[in-house]
C-alpha atoms as a PDB file:
ATOM      1  CA  MET A   1      94.128 115.044  39.722  1.00  0.00           C
ATOM      2  CA  ARG A   2      91.460 116.670  37.557  1.00  0.00           C
ATOM      3  CA  PHE A   3      91.620 113.738  35.119  1.00  0.00           C
ATOM      4  CA  GLN A   4      91.280 111.272  38.011  1.00  0.00           C
ATOM      5  CA  THR A   5      88.222 113.123  39.289  1.00  0.00           C
ATOM      6  CA  ARG A   6      86.582 112.914  35.872  1.00  0.00           C
ATOM      7  CA  ILE A   7      87.153 109.146  35.876  1.00  0.00           C
ATOM      8  CA  GLN A   8      86.137 108.565  39.512  1.00  0.00           C
ATOM      9  CA  LYS A   9      82.754 110.294  39.211  1.00  0.00           C
ATOM     10  CA  PRO A  10      81.300 107.937  36.599  1.00  0.00           C
ATOM     11  CA  ILE A  11      82.712 104.951  38.499  1.00  0.00           C
ATOM     12  CA  ARG A  12      80.947 106.055  41.698  1.00  0.00           C
ATOM     13  CA  ARG A  13      77.704 106.667  39.802  1.00  0.00           C
ATOM     14  CA  ALA A  14      77.936 103.263  38.123  1.00  0.00           C
ATOM     15  CA  MET A  15      78.658 101.499  41.427  1.00  0.00           C
ATOM     16  CA  ALA A  16      75.765 103.247  43.124  1.00  0.00           C
ATOM     17  CA  SER A  17      73.399 102.012  40.410  1.00  0.00           C
ATOM     18  CA  GLY A  18      74.671  98.459  40.751  1.00  0.00           C
ATOM     19  CA  ALA A  19      76.356  98.386  37.352  1.00  0.00           C
ATOM     20  CA  THR A  20      78.697  95.554  36.433  1.00  0.00           C
ATOM     21  CA  LEU A  21      82.425  96.071  35.886  1.00  0.00           C
ATOM     22  CA  PRO A  22      82.194  96.072  32.034  1.00  0.00           C
ATOM     23  CA  LEU A  23      79.558  98.787  32.160  1.00  0.00           C
ATOM     24  CA  MET A  24      81.681 100.830  34.554  1.00  0.00           C
ATOM     25  CA  LEU A  25      84.701 100.506  32.270  1.00  0.00           C
ATOM     26  CA  ALA A  26      82.602 101.552  29.288  1.00  0.00           C
ATOM     27  CA  ALA A  27      81.444 104.654  31.152  1.00  0.00           C
ATOM     28  CA  CYS A  28      85.052 105.523  31.958  1.00  0.00           C
ATOM     29  CA  SER A  29      86.103 105.029  28.347  1.00  0.00           C
ATOM     30  CA  VAL A  30      83.493 107.431  27.013  1.00  0.00           C
ATOM     31  CA  VAL A  31      84.489 110.105  29.513  1.00  0.00           C
ATOM     32  CA  ALA A  32      88.216 109.558  29.081  1.00  0.00           C
ATOM     33  CA  TRP A  33      88.283 109.637  25.310  1.00  0.00           C
ATOM     34  CA  GLY A  34      85.136 111.626  24.573  1.00  0.00           C
ATOM     35  CA  GLN A  35      84.718 110.333  21.018  1.00  0.00           C
ATOM     36  CA  ALA A  36      82.747 107.896  18.930  1.00  0.00           C
ATOM     37  CA  PRO A  37      84.419 104.771  17.565  1.00  0.00           C
ATOM     38  CA  PRO A  38      85.998 105.226  14.132  1.00  0.00           C
ATOM     39  CA  PRO A  39      84.108 104.030  11.072  1.00  0.00           C
ATOM     40  CA  SER A  40      85.279 100.930   9.260  1.00  0.00           C
ATOM     41  CA  TYR A  41      84.665 100.659   5.522  1.00  0.00           C
ATOM     42  CA  PRO A  42      85.266  97.395   3.633  1.00  0.00           C
ATOM     43  CA  PRO A  43      87.393  97.541   0.469  1.00  0.00           C
ATOM     44  CA  GLN A  44      84.441  97.552  -1.932  1.00  0.00           C
ATOM     45  CA  GLU A  45      82.905 100.515  -0.117  1.00  0.00           C
ATOM     46  CA  LEU A  46      86.187 102.419  -0.244  1.00  0.00           C
ATOM     47  CA  ASP A  47      86.361 101.706  -3.974  1.00  0.00           C
ATOM     48  CA  ARG A  48      82.922 103.268  -4.326  1.00  0.00           C
ATOM     49  CA  LEU A  49      83.915 106.333  -2.325  1.00  0.00           C
ATOM     50  CA  VAL A  50      86.970 107.113  -4.456  1.00  0.00           C
ATOM     51  CA  SER A  51      85.636 106.066  -7.848  1.00  0.00           C
ATOM     52  CA  ARG A  52      84.504 109.548  -8.914  1.00  0.00           C
ATOM     53  CA  ILE A  53      87.846 111.185  -8.052  1.00  0.00           C
ATOM     54  CA  ALA A  54      90.437 108.383  -8.287  1.00  0.00           C
ATOM     55  CA  LEU A  55      91.662 109.612 -11.683  1.00  0.00           C
ATOM     56  CA  TYR A  56      92.153 113.219 -10.574  1.00  0.00           C
ATOM     57  CA  PRO A  57      95.778 114.440 -10.625  1.00  0.00           C
ATOM     58  CA  ASP A  58      97.570 113.698  -7.369  1.00  0.00           C
ATOM     59  CA  PRO A  59      97.851 117.336  -6.183  1.00  0.00           C
ATOM     60  CA  LEU A  60      94.104 117.902  -6.583  1.00  0.00           C
ATOM     61  CA  LEU A  61      93.169 114.531  -5.096  1.00  0.00           C
ATOM     62  CA  SER A  62      95.255 115.172  -1.987  1.00  0.00           C
ATOM     63  CA  GLN A  63      93.577 118.552  -1.463  1.00  0.00           C
ATOM     64  CA  ILE A  64      90.117 116.994  -1.847  1.00  0.00           C
ATOM     65  CA  PHE A  65      90.902 114.335   0.748  1.00  0.00           C
ATOM     66  CA  ALA A  66      92.065 116.981   3.220  1.00  0.00           C
ATOM     67  CA  ALA A  67      89.089 119.293   2.626  1.00  0.00           C
ATOM     68  CA  ALA A  68      86.617 116.419   2.990  1.00  0.00           C
ATOM     69  CA  THR A  69      87.615 116.093   6.647  1.00  0.00           C
ATOM     70  CA  PHE A  70      85.819 119.417   7.225  1.00  0.00           C
ATOM     71  CA  PRO A  71      82.486 118.595   5.544  1.00  0.00           C
ATOM     72  CA  ASP A  72      80.512 121.163   7.536  1.00  0.00           C
ATOM     73  CA  GLN A  73      82.566 123.936   5.910  1.00  0.00           C
ATOM     74  CA  VAL A  74      82.150 122.746   2.322  1.00  0.00           C
ATOM     75  CA  PRO A  75      78.675 124.152   1.495  1.00  0.00           C
ATOM     76  CA  ASP A  76      79.558 127.719   2.526  1.00  0.00           C
ATOM     77  CA  ALA A  77      82.882 127.497   0.706  1.00  0.00           C
ATOM     78  CA  ALA A  78      81.118 126.220  -2.412  1.00  0.00           C
ATOM     79  CA  GLY A  79      78.740 129.192  -2.284  1.00  0.00           C
ATOM     80  CA  TRP A  80      81.605 131.660  -1.911  1.00  0.00           C
ATOM     81  CA  ALA A  81      83.538 130.072  -4.771  1.00  0.00           C
ATOM     82  CA  ASP A  82      80.471 130.215  -6.988  1.00  0.00           C
ATOM     83  CA  GLN A  83      79.858 133.902  -6.257  1.00  0.00           C
ATOM     84  CA  HIS A  84      83.512 134.814  -6.835  1.00  0.00           C
ATOM     85  CA  HIS A  85      84.175 132.493  -9.774  1.00  0.00           C
ATOM     86  CA  TYR A  86      85.057 135.407 -12.049  1.00  0.00           C
ATOM     87  CA  LEU A  87      88.182 136.077  -9.959  1.00  0.00           C
ATOM     88  CA  THR A  88      91.357 134.161 -10.799  1.00  0.00           C
ATOM     89  CA  GLY A  89      95.045 134.148  -9.928  1.00  0.00           C
ATOM     90  CA  ASP A  90      96.344 136.920  -7.714  1.00  0.00           C
ATOM     91  CA  ALA A  91      92.943 138.648  -7.601  1.00  0.00           C
ATOM     92  CA  LEU A  92      91.304 135.525  -6.196  1.00  0.00           C
ATOM     93  CA  ALA A  93      94.074 135.013  -3.626  1.00  0.00           C
ATOM     94  CA  ARG A  94      93.652 138.630  -2.472  1.00  0.00           C
ATOM     95  CA  ALA A  95      89.879 138.197  -2.216  1.00  0.00           C
ATOM     96  CA  ILE A  96      90.318 135.121  -0.022  1.00  0.00           C
ATOM     97  CA  ALA A  97      92.600 137.119   2.285  1.00  0.00           C
ATOM     98  CA  ASP A  98      90.386 140.236   2.247  1.00  0.00           C
ATOM     99  CA  ASP A  99      87.252 138.324   3.248  1.00  0.00           C
ATOM    100  CA  HIS A 100      88.855 136.731   6.342  1.00  0.00           C
ATOM    101  CA  LEU A 101      87.296 133.391   5.454  1.00  0.00           C
ATOM    102  CA  PRO A 102      86.800 131.215   8.530  1.00  0.00           C
ATOM    103  CA  TRP A 103      87.267 127.828   6.877  1.00  0.00           C
ATOM    104  CA  ASP A 104      90.243 125.552   7.286  1.00  0.00           C
ATOM    105  CA  PRO A 105      93.022 126.269   4.769  1.00  0.00           C
ATOM    106  CA  SER A 106      92.467 122.827   3.251  1.00  0.00           C
ATOM    107  CA  VAL A 107      88.940 123.920   2.290  1.00  0.00           C
ATOM    108  CA  GLN A 108      90.153 127.327   1.100  1.00  0.00           C
ATOM    109  CA  ALA A 109      92.637 125.549  -1.168  1.00  0.00           C
ATOM    110  CA  LEU A 110      89.723 124.363  -3.330  1.00  0.00           C
ATOM    111  CA  LEU A 111      88.200 127.828  -3.840  1.00  0.00           C
ATOM    112  CA  PRO A 112      89.818 128.163  -7.297  1.00  0.00           C
ATOM    113  CA  PHE A 113      87.793 125.043  -8.242  1.00  0.00           C
ATOM    114  CA  PRO A 114      84.091 125.936  -7.944  1.00  0.00           C
ATOM    115  CA  SER A 115      83.105 122.808  -9.843  1.00  0.00           C
ATOM    116  CA  VAL A 116      84.938 120.555  -7.364  1.00  0.00           C
ATOM    117  CA  LEU A 117      83.365 122.251  -4.352  1.00  0.00           C
ATOM    118  CA  ASP A 118      80.000 122.115  -6.104  1.00  0.00           C
ATOM    119  CA  THR A 119      80.396 118.357  -6.534  1.00  0.00           C
ATOM    120  CA  MET A 120      81.265 117.957  -2.862  1.00  0.00           C
ATOM    121  CA  ALA A 121      78.468 120.223  -1.625  1.00  0.00           C
ATOM    122  CA  SER A 122      75.837 118.588  -3.820  1.00  0.00           C
ATOM    123  CA  ASP A 123      76.460 115.175  -2.225  1.00  0.00           C
ATOM    124  CA  MET A 124      77.253 115.820   1.402  1.00  0.00           C
ATOM    125  CA  ALA A 125      76.689 112.199   2.410  1.00  0.00           C
ATOM    126  CA  TRP A 126      79.483 111.160   0.063  1.00  0.00           C
ATOM    127  CA  THR A 127      81.753 114.027   1.150  1.00  0.00           C
ATOM    128  CA  SER A 128      81.293 113.197   4.836  1.00  0.00           C
ATOM    129  CA  GLU A 129      81.992 109.518   4.250  1.00  0.00           C
ATOM    130  CA  LEU A 130      85.072 110.340   2.192  1.00  0.00           C
ATOM    131  CA  GLY A 131      86.395 112.591   4.955  1.00  0.00           C
ATOM    132  CA  ASN A 132      85.665 110.010   7.645  1.00  0.00           C
ATOM    133  CA  ALA A 133      87.421 107.311   5.644  1.00  0.00           C
ATOM    134  CA  PHE A 134      90.451 109.550   5.181  1.00  0.00           C
ATOM    135  CA  LEU A 135      90.548 110.236   8.920  1.00  0.00           C
ATOM    136  CA  ALA A 136      90.067 106.634  10.013  1.00  0.00           C
ATOM    137  CA  GLN A 137      91.524 104.537   7.163  1.00  0.00           C
ATOM    138  CA  GLN A 138      93.989 106.657   5.206  1.00  0.00           C
ATOM    139  CA  PRO A 139      96.159 103.718   4.034  1.00  0.00           C
ATOM    140  CA  ASP A 140      93.097 101.721   3.002  1.00  0.00           C
ATOM    141  CA  LEU A 141      91.640 104.698   1.140  1.00  0.00           C
ATOM    142  CA  MET A 142      94.899 105.200  -0.748  1.00  0.00           C
ATOM    143  CA  ASP A 143      94.903 101.508  -1.651  1.00  0.00           C
ATOM    144  CA  ALA A 144      91.380 101.922  -3.023  1.00  0.00           C
ATOM    145  CA  VAL A 145      92.597 104.741  -5.288  1.00  0.00           C
ATOM    146  CA  GLN A 146      95.345 102.512  -6.594  1.00  0.00           C
ATOM    147  CA  ARG A 147      92.917  99.660  -7.270  1.00  0.00           C
ATOM    148  CA  GLU A 148      90.720 101.945  -9.341  1.00  0.00           C
ATOM    149  CA  ARG A 149      93.659 103.507 -11.187  1.00  0.00           C
ATOM    150  CA  HIS A 150      95.036 100.099 -12.078  1.00  0.00           C
ATOM    151  CA  LYS A 151      91.674  99.096 -13.528  1.00  0.00           C
ATOM    152  CA  ALA A 152      91.552 102.212 -15.719  1.00  0.00           C
ATOM    153  CA  TYR A 153      95.181 101.717 -16.733  1.00  0.00           C
ATOM    154  CA  ASP A 154      94.902  98.004 -17.442  1.00  0.00           C
ATOM    155  CA  TYR A 155      91.793  98.537 -19.572  1.00  0.00           C
ATOM    156  CA  GLY A 156      93.639 101.180 -21.608  1.00  0.00           C
ATOM    157  CA  TYR A 157      91.665 104.253 -20.530  1.00  0.00           C
ATOM    158  CA  LEU A 158      94.330 105.984 -18.419  1.00  0.00           C
ATOM    159  CA  ARG A 159      97.378 107.143 -20.336  1.00  0.00           C
ATOM    160  CA  THR A 160      99.790 110.076 -20.476  1.00  0.00           C
ATOM    161  CA  ASN A 161      98.508 112.912 -22.655  1.00  0.00           C
ATOM    162  CA  PRO A 162      99.245 116.644 -23.115  1.00  0.00           C
ATOM    163  CA  GLN A 163      97.485 117.461 -19.807  1.00  0.00           C
ATOM    164  CA  ILE A 164      98.690 114.707 -17.459  1.00  0.00           C
ATOM    165  CA  ILE A 165     101.657 112.399 -16.921  1.00  0.00           C
ATOM    166  CA  VAL A 166     100.767 108.870 -15.850  1.00  0.00           C
ATOM    167  CA  ASN A 167     103.603 107.062 -14.105  1.00  0.00           C
ATOM    168  CA  GLY A 168     102.889 103.339 -14.049  1.00  0.00           C
ATOM    169  CA  GLY A 169     104.425 100.708 -11.821  1.00  0.00           C
ATOM    170  CA  PRO A 170     103.365  99.265  -8.520  1.00  0.00           C
ATOM    171  CA  TYR A 171     101.816 102.642  -7.675  1.00  0.00           C
ATOM    172  CA  ILE A 172     100.248 104.788 -10.369  1.00  0.00           C
ATOM    173  CA  GLU A 173     100.894 108.510 -10.108  1.00  0.00           C
ATOM    174  CA  ILE A 174      98.871 111.052 -12.065  1.00  0.00           C
ATOM    175  CA  LEU A 175     100.699 114.366 -12.305  1.00  0.00           C
ATOM    176  CA  PRO A 176      99.853 117.552 -14.215  1.00  0.00           C
ATOM    177  CA  ALA A 177     101.992 118.004 -17.322  1.00  0.00           C
ATOM    178  CA  ASN A 178     102.147 121.675 -16.386  1.00  0.00           C
ATOM    179  CA  PRO A 179     102.365 121.990 -12.576  1.00  0.00           C
ATOM    180  CA  ALA A 180     100.634 125.372 -12.778  1.00  0.00           C
ATOM    181  CA  PHE A 181      97.622 124.013 -14.682  1.00  0.00           C
ATOM    182  CA  ILE A 182      95.456 121.477 -12.869  1.00  0.00           C
ATOM    183  CA  VAL A 183      92.941 119.611 -14.994  1.00  0.00           C
ATOM    184  CA  VAL A 184      89.671 118.289 -13.585  1.00  0.00           C
ATOM    185  CA  PRO A 185      89.032 115.112 -15.588  1.00  0.00           C
ATOM    186  CA  PHE A 186      85.529 114.081 -16.548  1.00  0.00           C
ATOM    187  CA  TYR A 187      84.661 110.386 -16.786  1.00  0.00           C
ATOM    188  CA  ASP A 188      81.996 107.806 -16.024  1.00  0.00           C
ATOM    189  CA  PRO A 189      83.183 105.326 -13.357  1.00  0.00           C
ATOM    190  CA  LEU A 190      80.867 102.701 -14.814  1.00  0.00           C
ATOM    191  CA  ILE A 191      82.896 102.869 -18.034  1.00  0.00           C
ATOM    192  CA  VAL A 192      86.538 103.443 -17.124  1.00  0.00           C
ATOM    193  CA  PHE A 193      86.702 100.840 -14.348  1.00  0.00           C
ATOM    194  CA  ALA A 194      85.231  98.069 -16.495  1.00  0.00           C
ATOM    195  CA  PRO A 195      86.468  96.200 -19.583  1.00  0.00           C
ATOM    196  CA  PRO A 196      85.755  98.156 -22.765  1.00  0.00           C
ATOM    197  CA  ARG A 197      82.954  96.961 -24.993  1.00  0.00           C
ATOM    198  CA  PRO A 198      83.999  95.645 -28.422  1.00  0.00           C
ATOM    199  CA  GLY A 199      84.613  98.558 -30.745  1.00  0.00           C
ATOM    200  CA  PHE A 200      84.613 101.161 -27.945  1.00  0.00           C
ATOM    201  CA  VAL A 201      87.261 103.875 -28.388  1.00  0.00           C
ATOM    202  CA  VAL A 202      89.006 103.918 -25.012  1.00  0.00           C
ATOM    203  CA  GLY A 203      90.966 107.080 -25.793  1.00  0.00           C
ATOM    204  CA  GLY A 204      87.902 109.286 -25.455  1.00  0.00           C
ATOM    205  CA  ALA A 205      86.528 107.870 -22.219  1.00  0.00           C
ATOM    206  CA  ILE A 206      88.254 110.450 -19.979  1.00  0.00           C
ATOM    207  CA  GLY A 207      87.895 114.121 -20.805  1.00  0.00           C
ATOM    208  CA  PHE A 208      90.751 116.484 -19.944  1.00  0.00           C
ATOM    209  CA  ARG A 209      89.317 119.662 -21.451  1.00  0.00           C
ATOM    210  CA  PHE A 210      88.669 121.604 -18.238  1.00  0.00           C
ATOM    211  CA  GLY A 211      91.383 122.945 -15.955  1.00  0.00           C
ATOM    212  CA  ILE A 212      92.403 125.775 -13.651  1.00  0.00           C
ATOM    213  CA  THR A 213      95.629 127.768 -13.658  1.00  0.00           C
ATOM    214  CA  ILE A 214      97.182 127.814 -10.179  1.00  0.00           C
ATOM    215  CA  GLY A 215     100.021 130.284  -9.821  1.00  0.00           C
ATOM    216  CA  ALA A 216     102.475 131.213  -7.084  1.00  0.00           C
ATOM    217  CA  ALA A 217      99.793 133.188  -5.229  1.00  0.00           C
ATOM    218  CA  PHE A 218      98.299 129.899  -4.057  1.00  0.00           C
ATOM    219  CA  ALA A 219     101.503 128.401  -2.701  1.00  0.00           C
ATOM    220  CA  PRO A 220     100.473 129.205   0.922  1.00  0.00           C
ATOM    221  CA  TRP A 221      97.546 126.789   0.515  1.00  0.00           C
ATOM    222  CA  GLY A 222      99.839 123.953  -0.490  1.00  0.00           C
ATOM    223  CA  TRP A 223      99.586 124.145  -4.272  1.00  0.00           C
ATOM    224  CA  GLY A 224     102.890 123.035  -5.730  1.00  0.00           C
ATOM    225  CA  ALA A 225     103.769 121.286  -2.467  1.00  0.00           C
ATOM    226  CA  SER A 226     101.092 118.614  -2.026  1.00  0.00           C
ATOM    227  CA  HIS A 227     101.560 115.008  -3.070  1.00  0.00           C
ATOM    228  CA  PHE A 228     101.296 111.345  -2.111  1.00  0.00           C
ATOM    229  CA  VAL A 229     104.016 108.943  -1.084  1.00  0.00           C
ATOM    230  CA  TRP A 230     102.022 105.944  -2.187  1.00  0.00           C
ATOM    231  CA  GLY A 231     104.344 103.205  -0.995  1.00  0.00           C
ATOM    232  CA  ASP A 232     104.424 104.565   2.555  1.00  0.00           C
ATOM    233  CA  HIS A 233     100.722 105.537   2.578  1.00  0.00           C
ATOM    234  CA  HIS A 234     101.584 109.144   3.393  1.00  0.00           C
ATOM    235  CA  VAL A 235      99.932 112.335   2.175  1.00  0.00           C
ATOM    236  CA  PHE A 236     101.837 115.613   2.181  1.00  0.00           C
ATOM    237  CA  ILE A 237      99.934 118.898   2.093  1.00  0.00           C
ATOM    238  CA  ASN A 238     101.937 122.115   1.945  1.00  0.00           C
ATOM    239  CA  ASN A 239     105.153 120.087   2.331  1.00  0.00           C
ATOM    240  CA  ALA A 240     104.016 118.674   5.669  1.00  0.00           C
ATOM    241  CA  ARG A 241     102.645 115.202   6.298  1.00  0.00           C
ATOM    242  CA  TRP A 242      98.912 115.233   6.906  1.00  0.00           C
ATOM    243  CA  ASN A 243      98.535 113.857  10.422  1.00  0.00           C
ATOM    244  CA  ARG A 244      94.888 114.617  11.132  1.00  0.00           C
ATOM    245  CA  THR A 245      93.204 111.360  12.122  1.00  0.00           C
ATOM    246  CA  TRP A 246      89.943 110.211  13.646  1.00  0.00           C
ATOM    247  CA  VAL A 247      91.488 110.382  17.123  1.00  0.00           C
ATOM    248  CA  ASN A 248      92.873 113.945  16.970  1.00  0.00           C
ATOM    249  CA  ARG A 249      90.338 115.429  14.538  1.00  0.00           C
ATOM    250  CA  THR A 250      89.011 117.938  17.090  1.00  0.00           C
ATOM    251  CA  THR A 251      92.411 119.372  17.993  1.00  0.00           C
ATOM    252  CA  TYR A 252      94.885 118.840  15.149  1.00  0.00           C
ATOM    253  CA  ALA A 253      95.753 121.892  13.048  1.00  0.00           C
ATOM    254  CA  HIS A 254      97.765 121.208   9.914  1.00  0.00           C
ATOM    255  CA  PRO A 255     100.634 123.697   9.408  1.00  0.00           C
ATOM    256  CA  TYR A 256      99.810 126.490   6.947  1.00  0.00           C
ATOM    257  CA  ALA A 257     102.222 129.132   8.233  1.00  0.00           C
ATOM    258  CA  ALA A 258     101.276 131.797   5.681  1.00  0.00           C
ATOM    259  CA  VAL A 259      97.484 131.356   5.874  1.00  0.00           C
ATOM    260  CA  PRO A 260      95.887 133.217   8.806  1.00  0.00           C
ATOM    261  CA  ARG A 261      93.038 131.469  10.600  1.00  0.00           C
ATOM    262  CA  TYR A 262      90.120 133.750  11.349  1.00  0.00           C
ATOM    263  CA  ALA A 263      87.237 133.397  13.765  1.00  0.00           C
ATOM    264  CA  GLY A 264      84.357 135.693  14.596  1.00  0.00           C
ATOM    265  CA  PRO A 265      82.516 138.155  12.353  1.00  0.00           C
ATOM    266  CA  ARG A 266      83.821 138.638   8.846  1.00  0.00           C
ATOM    267  CA  PRO A 267      84.453 142.088   7.378  1.00  0.00           C
ATOM    268  CA  ALA A 268      82.028 143.548   4.882  1.00  0.00           C
ATOM    269  CA  GLU A 269      82.196 142.006   1.417  1.00  0.00           C
ATOM    270  CA  ARG A 270      84.499 144.051  -0.826  1.00  0.00           C
ATOM    271  CA  HIS A 271      83.835 142.323  -4.114  1.00  0.00           C
ATOM    272  CA  GLU A 272      81.000 142.010  -6.553  1.00  0.00           C
ATOM    273  CA  LEU A 273      79.075 138.773  -6.312  1.00  0.00           C
ATOM    274  CA  HIS A 274      78.341 136.982  -9.572  1.00  0.00           C
ATOM    275  CA  GLU A 275      76.992 133.480  -9.309  1.00  0.00           C
ATOM    276  CA  ARG A 276      77.718 131.187 -12.201  1.00  0.00           C
ATOM    277  CA  SER A 277      74.923 130.634 -14.643  1.00  0.00           C
ATOM    278  CA  GLU A 278      73.465 127.152 -14.880  1.00  0.00           C
ATOM    279  CA  ARG A 279      75.115 126.926 -18.293  1.00  0.00           C
ATOM    280  CA  GLU A 280      78.513 127.560 -16.719  1.00  0.00           C
ATOM    281  CA  ARG A 281      77.892 125.034 -13.938  1.00  0.00           C
ATOM    282  CA  GLN A 282      76.818 122.385 -16.415  1.00  0.00           C
ATOM    283  CA  ALA A 283      79.879 123.023 -18.566  1.00  0.00           C
ATOM    284  CA  ALA A 284      82.158 122.416 -15.570  1.00  0.00           C
ATOM    285  CA  ARG A 285      80.212 119.317 -14.487  1.00  0.00           C
ATOM    286  CA  THR A 286      80.710 117.754 -17.902  1.00  0.00           C
ATOM    287  CA  GLY A 287      84.394 118.630 -18.170  1.00  0.00           C
ATOM    288  CA  ARG A 288      84.119 121.486 -20.659  1.00  0.00           C
ATOM    289  CA  GLU A 289      85.814 124.849 -20.590  1.00  0.00           C
ATOM    290  CA  ARG A 290      84.122 127.630 -18.685  1.00  0.00           C
ATOM    291  CA  VAL A 291      81.370 129.302 -20.733  1.00  0.00           C
ATOM    292  CA  GLU A 292      80.928 132.988 -19.876  1.00  0.00           C
END
């Protein structure tokens, strides 16, 4: 009855104003569904959106896609990660729990990667578009990743090495050689997705010198249990299929049983805050090991 009342009121208002039937139906639709229409990106635009991350290992790429659906939380998370960058492993996991961080677990999952969050926070237009595309066009976005990976593979840039395992075939997987060590590759999309120039050494086009150790302490955030099923266009985060879409984005809560969700005031900070130096940030941006 309450739902019917919500629908009847706009109809009566529209009729009283002399509105036509299509306008009345439009008014009902807005009230009934209460959401904007989903975005629609053409293939070339999706290729652009994924180009800077398409060659990231599958576990990291899946976490980035999920976190991008909460773009409003990314800047604060990037600031926290920067200030706590000196913490790693169990100490970092404890700090995340101690601080009662209010962000979605998918965003918290990237806190061990300050450089990734920094990239997302420094280009919020891109991050928001990436998240919207993942919500509205997940299969199409995954296809865009595969298109870009096939370019890099066919041109000889993307190959198995000591840091990653590249599984070719209809769908190209990129997996960490050591599941507990996730590399953040550094590359120029203008180079690796185009035919190599004569004499260009393709083997050095993608840098795999920078990575983060992710141990068992981060299992609650889905590390070690996040992957793609490329053929079915499914993404699994924390061993559960990611079902957040454009339609249910305001209500869906992905299952993270062991990660509490906090709201309200946070407790007092218990840790020292040390922002990264610009030298450290630049090292991470260019795919080099952390410089202390």
